[in-house]
Amino acid sequence: MTEIYRKGFNGLTKDVDTAGRIVTGYFSTFNFKDSDGDIILPGAFKKTIRERGPKGKKRIFHLWQHYSSEVIGKPNVLKEDKTGL
């Protein structure tokens, strides 16, 4: 038997536009202790967003369970605010 472990996080979906196929929400929230004891701090994503995000090399993808063969989508907007990414 193989046990699959998934890390939890305090994410939030704000809006789902089914016609436009756009989901708005948080992929990560700041200052939340996850099941491994990890805490993501504000500013953690800024360099990656700038270099690889929608206005950079466009190399950030939304994957199903971290499988690179299972691309769900590609973000049009990535930004940090006081809540998270």
Protein backbone atom coordinates (compact mmCIF):
# COMPACT_ATOMS: atom_id res chain seq x y z
CA MET A 1 0.00 0.00 0.00
CA THR A 2 1.30 3.43 -0.94
CA GLU A 3 0.39 6.37 1.22
CA ILE A 4 0.14 9.70 -0.54
CA TYR A 5 0.88 12.72 1.60
CA ARG A 6 -0.42 16.13 0.64
CA LYS A 7 0.72 19.28 2.34
CA GLY A 8 -2.10 21.45 3.57
CA PHE A 9 -2.31 25.20 3.38
CA ASN A 10 -4.79 27.89 4.22
CA GLY A 11 -5.73 28.82 0.63
CA LEU A 12 -8.73 30.81 -0.47
CA THR A 13 -10.76 30.83 -3.68
CA LYS A 14 -12.27 34.29 -4.19
CA ASP A 15 -14.02 33.89 -7.55
CA VAL A 16 -14.60 31.32 -10.31
CA ASP A 17 -15.57 32.59 -13.77
CA THR A 18 -16.62 29.42 -15.60
CA ALA A 19 -17.35 31.26 -18.87
CA GLY A 20 -13.92 32.91 -18.95
CA ARG A 21 -12.24 29.90 -17.29
CA ILE A 22 -10.58 32.15 -14.69
CA VAL A 23 -10.05 31.33 -11.02
CA THR A 24 -9.11 34.12 -8.62
CA GLY A 25 -7.73 33.37 -5.20
CA TYR A 26 -4.68 32.65 -3.10
CA PHE A 27 -2.20 29.88 -3.91
CA SER A 28 -0.37 30.52 -0.66
CA THR A 29 -1.05 32.53 2.47
CA PHE A 30 1.62 34.22 4.57
CA ASN A 31 2.38 33.50 8.22
CA PHE A 32 0.37 30.24 8.25
CA LYS A 33 2.07 27.20 9.79
CA ASP A 34 1.41 24.21 7.52
CA SER A 35 1.39 20.52 8.46
CA ASP A 36 5.21 20.33 8.11
CA GLY A 37 5.72 23.39 10.31
CA ASP A 38 6.72 25.58 7.35
CA ILE A 39 5.74 29.26 7.36
CA ILE A 40 5.91 31.37 4.18
CA LEU A 41 6.83 34.99 4.81
CA PRO A 42 5.88 38.09 2.79
CA GLY A 43 8.31 38.68 -0.09
CA ALA A 44 9.02 34.96 -0.60
CA PHE A 45 7.69 34.95 -4.18
CA LYS A 46 8.73 38.39 -5.49
CA LYS A 47 11.92 37.41 -7.33
CA THR A 48 10.35 34.35 -8.95
CA ILE A 49 7.26 36.29 -10.03
CA ARG A 50 9.44 39.03 -11.54
CA GLU A 51 11.74 36.62 -13.39
CA ARG A 52 9.40 33.76 -14.36
CA GLY A 53 5.88 35.13 -13.97
CA PRO A 54 3.39 36.49 -16.51
CA LYS A 55 5.50 39.62 -17.17
CA GLY A 56 8.78 37.64 -17.24
CA LYS A 57 9.66 34.38 -18.97
CA LYS A 58 6.13 32.96 -18.40
CA ARG A 59 7.48 29.75 -16.88
CA ILE A 60 5.08 29.37 -13.94
CA PHE A 61 2.33 26.77 -14.32
CA HIS A 62 -0.49 25.51 -12.11
CA LEU A 63 0.07 21.77 -11.79
CA TRP A 64 -2.13 18.98 -10.49
CA GLN A 65 -0.44 17.55 -7.36
CA HIS A 66 2.97 18.89 -8.49
CA TYR A 67 3.01 16.62 -11.57
CA SER A 68 4.62 18.50 -14.47
CA SER A 69 2.74 16.23 -16.88
CA GLU A 70 -0.58 17.48 -15.41
CA VAL A 71 -0.73 21.19 -16.23
CA ILE A 72 -4.05 22.71 -15.11
CA GLY A 73 -3.35 26.25 -16.26
CA LYS A 74 -1.01 29.18 -16.52
CA PRO A 75 -1.51 32.31 -14.39
CA ASN A 76 -2.23 35.64 -16.14
CA VAL A 77 -1.62 37.59 -12.92
CA LEU A 78 0.62 36.75 -9.96
CA LYS A 79 1.15 39.18 -7.14
CA GLU A 80 1.75 39.31 -3.44
CA ASP A 81 -0.41 41.34 -1.08
CA LYS A 82 -0.67 41.43 2.72
CA THR A 83 -2.49 38.06 2.75
CA GLY A 84 -0.30 36.03 0.39
CA LEU A 85 0.27 35.02 -3.22
